[in-house]
Amino acid sequence: MQTFTGVDEVVHAVGTQLGETAWLEITQEQVNQFAEATGDHQWIHVDVDRAAKGPYGGTIAHGYLTLSLIARFGEELFSVEGVTAKLNYGVNKVRFPSPVPVGSRVRASASIAGAQKTPAGVQVSLQWVIELEDSTKPACVAETVVLLVP
C-alpha cells in the first residue's frame, strides 16, 4: 500500500508502479450477484450446467465484473491523504484478453500513467493489469481515470 500525502505528490509520481494486490477467488455467488445487479443473466455466466458443456467448461465472470474489481483493488494499492473525494472519472481503454472461469483467482497491478491538474482537482490516469492465475494472458487491461478533489 502506497500512501501519497496530497495531490502534488501524486502528480510527481507519474510512472510509479503501485505494486500488486492479493489474489482474489472469483465465486459463482459473486457472478450471480453481479448478474442480478446488472440484469445480465447470460447463460455462460449463471447457468452452471449449460456452461459446463460450453466453450470454457464452466461459467465465467462477466467482463464488467472483472473491470469493476478495480475499485476494490485500488483500495489495496494506494491512498491519497488530504483529498475530500476520490471519484471514478472514466475509462480510456479496456480489453478483456482472457475469460475468468468461476473458481479461478485474479490479482491486479497498477501504475500511475499520468496526472493533470484541472479546476475540479487532479485527474489521475492509472494503467491496470488484472492477472489470471496460471494464465499467460491477463483477464483485463484497462486505463482508468480518477478525479482527486482537494
Protein backbone atom coordinates (compact mmCIF):
# COMPACT_ATOMS: atom_id res chain seq x y z
CA MET A 1 0.00 0.00 0.00
CA GLN A 2 1.40 3.34 -1.05
CA THR A 3 0.15 6.44 0.70
CA PHE A 4 0.53 9.78 -1.01
CA THR A 5 0.41 12.93 1.11
CA GLY A 6 -1.58 15.16 -1.19
CA VAL A 7 -2.30 15.59 -4.86
CA ASP A 8 1.05 17.22 -5.66
CA GLU A 9 2.83 14.06 -4.56
CA VAL A 10 0.62 12.04 -6.92
CA VAL A 11 1.42 14.40 -9.81
CA HIS A 12 5.14 13.89 -9.18
CA ALA A 13 4.67 10.10 -9.03
CA VAL A 14 3.73 9.63 -12.70
CA GLY A 15 5.44 6.44 -13.90
CA THR A 16 5.37 4.89 -10.43
CA GLN A 17 4.43 1.22 -10.11
CA LEU A 18 1.94 0.76 -7.29
CA GLY A 19 2.57 -2.95 -6.81
CA GLU A 20 0.30 -5.99 -6.79
CA THR A 21 -2.79 -6.90 -4.82
CA ALA A 22 -3.53 -10.14 -3.05
CA TRP A 23 -5.15 -12.93 -5.06
CA LEU A 24 -8.96 -12.94 -5.10
CA GLU A 25 -11.04 -16.02 -5.91
CA ILE A 26 -14.00 -15.41 -8.22
CA THR A 27 -17.04 -17.26 -6.92
CA GLN A 28 -20.32 -18.21 -8.55
CA GLU A 29 -22.10 -16.20 -5.86
CA GLN A 30 -20.22 -13.04 -6.96
CA VAL A 31 -21.12 -13.71 -10.58
CA ASN A 32 -24.78 -14.32 -9.72
CA GLN A 33 -24.94 -11.14 -7.64
CA PHE A 34 -23.40 -9.15 -10.49
CA ALA A 35 -25.95 -10.66 -12.88
CA GLU A 36 -28.75 -9.58 -10.54
CA ALA A 37 -27.35 -6.08 -10.17
CA THR A 38 -26.90 -5.53 -13.92
CA GLY A 39 -29.66 -7.68 -15.39
CA ASP A 40 -27.08 -9.61 -17.46
CA HIS A 41 -28.16 -13.23 -16.97
CA GLN A 42 -26.38 -14.70 -19.99
CA TRP A 43 -26.10 -18.48 -19.56
CA ILE A 44 -22.29 -18.51 -19.82
CA HIS A 45 -22.24 -16.64 -16.50
CA VAL A 46 -25.13 -18.07 -14.48
CA ASP A 47 -26.20 -21.48 -15.86
CA VAL A 48 -23.67 -23.84 -14.30
CA ASP A 49 -24.99 -26.99 -16.03
CA ARG A 50 -25.21 -25.49 -19.51
CA ALA A 51 -21.87 -23.69 -19.16
CA ALA A 52 -20.18 -26.98 -18.16
CA LYS A 53 -20.88 -28.15 -21.73
CA GLY A 54 -19.90 -24.79 -23.24
CA PRO A 55 -16.65 -23.45 -24.68
CA TYR A 56 -14.95 -22.82 -21.30
CA GLY A 57 -16.05 -25.94 -19.42
CA GLY A 58 -17.88 -23.87 -16.83
CA THR A 59 -19.23 -20.47 -16.00
CA ILE A 60 -17.11 -17.37 -16.45
CA ALA A 61 -17.21 -13.95 -14.81
CA HIS A 62 -18.71 -11.03 -16.69
CA GLY A 63 -16.02 -8.85 -18.22
CA TYR A 64 -17.51 -5.84 -16.47
CA LEU A 65 -17.41 -7.69 -13.16
CA THR A 66 -13.68 -8.15 -13.67
CA LEU A 67 -13.33 -4.46 -14.56
CA SER A 68 -15.38 -3.40 -11.53
CA LEU A 69 -12.87 -5.11 -9.22
CA ILE A 70 -10.51 -2.22 -9.94
CA ALA A 71 -12.35 -0.22 -7.27
CA ARG A 72 -11.61 -2.93 -4.71
CA PHE A 73 -8.04 -3.44 -5.88
CA GLY A 74 -7.33 0.30 -5.80
CA GLU A 75 -8.07 0.35 -2.08
CA GLU A 76 -5.34 -2.29 -1.62
CA LEU A 77 -2.72 -0.43 -3.64
CA PHE A 78 -2.84 3.25 -2.76
CA SER A 79 -4.41 6.05 -0.79
CA VAL A 80 -4.15 9.81 -1.02
CA GLU A 81 -4.25 11.95 2.08
CA GLY A 82 -5.59 15.48 2.02
CA VAL A 83 -8.35 14.93 -0.54
CA THR A 84 -12.06 15.36 0.07
CA ALA A 85 -13.04 12.85 -2.63
CA LYS A 86 -11.55 10.22 -4.93
CA LEU A 87 -14.05 9.77 -7.77
CA ASN A 88 -14.18 7.44 -10.77
CA TYR A 89 -13.93 9.86 -13.69
CA GLY A 90 -13.83 7.43 -16.59
CA VAL A 91 -12.11 4.72 -18.54
CA ASN A 92 -9.95 5.46 -21.57
CA LYS A 93 -9.45 1.91 -22.80
CA VAL A 94 -10.46 -1.58 -21.69
CA ARG A 95 -9.67 -5.01 -23.10
CA PHE A 96 -10.56 -8.50 -21.83
CA PRO A 97 -7.88 -10.77 -23.36
CA SER A 98 -8.83 -13.86 -21.34
CA PRO A 99 -12.07 -15.11 -19.76
CA VAL A 100 -12.16 -15.55 -15.98
CA PRO A 101 -13.50 -19.00 -15.03
CA VAL A 102 -15.50 -19.16 -11.82
CA GLY A 103 -13.24 -20.61 -9.14
CA SER A 104 -10.10 -19.03 -10.57
CA ARG A 105 -8.09 -16.31 -8.87
CA VAL A 106 -7.20 -12.83 -10.08
CA ARG A 107 -4.99 -10.04 -8.81
CA ALA A 108 -4.17 -6.59 -10.08
CA SER A 109 -1.14 -4.43 -10.59
CA ALA A 110 -1.23 -0.76 -11.45
CA SER A 111 0.93 2.20 -12.29
CA ILE A 112 0.32 5.92 -12.45
CA ALA A 113 0.27 6.69 -16.16
CA GLY A 114 -0.46 10.40 -15.98
CA ALA A 115 -1.80 13.27 -13.89
CA GLN A 116 -3.36 16.51 -14.99
CA LYS A 117 -4.43 19.40 -12.81
CA THR A 118 -7.91 20.73 -13.60
CA PRO A 119 -10.17 23.29 -11.91
CA ALA A 120 -12.03 20.41 -10.22
CA GLY A 121 -8.91 18.68 -8.91
CA VAL A 122 -6.34 16.30 -10.38
CA GLN A 123 -7.25 13.71 -13.00
CA VAL A 124 -5.01 10.70 -12.48
CA SER A 125 -4.68 8.05 -15.20
CA LEU A 126 -3.95 4.57 -13.90
CA GLN A 127 -2.78 1.67 -16.04
CA TRP A 128 -4.21 -1.63 -14.71
CA VAL A 129 -3.45 -5.25 -15.46
CA ILE A 130 -5.73 -7.84 -13.88
CA GLU A 131 -3.81 -11.08 -13.97
CA LEU A 132 -5.44 -14.50 -14.10
CA GLU A 133 -3.57 -17.08 -12.05
CA ASP A 134 -1.82 -19.74 -14.18
CA SER A 135 -2.53 -17.88 -17.42
CA THR A 136 -0.11 -16.20 -19.78
CA LYS A 137 -2.81 -13.71 -20.85
CA PRO A 138 -4.29 -11.14 -18.50
CA ALA A 139 -8.00 -11.14 -17.72
CA CYS A 140 -8.28 -7.38 -18.16
CA VAL A 141 -6.09 -4.47 -19.20
CA ALA A 142 -7.53 -1.01 -18.58
CA GLU A 143 -6.64 2.64 -18.28
CA THR A 144 -8.89 4.35 -15.75
CA VAL A 145 -9.13 7.98 -14.70
CA VAL A 146 -9.71 9.03 -11.09
CA LEU A 147 -10.51 12.58 -10.07
CA LEU A 148 -8.81 13.60 -6.83
CA VAL A 149 -10.64 16.53 -5.26
CA PRO A 150 -8.53 18.53 -2.79
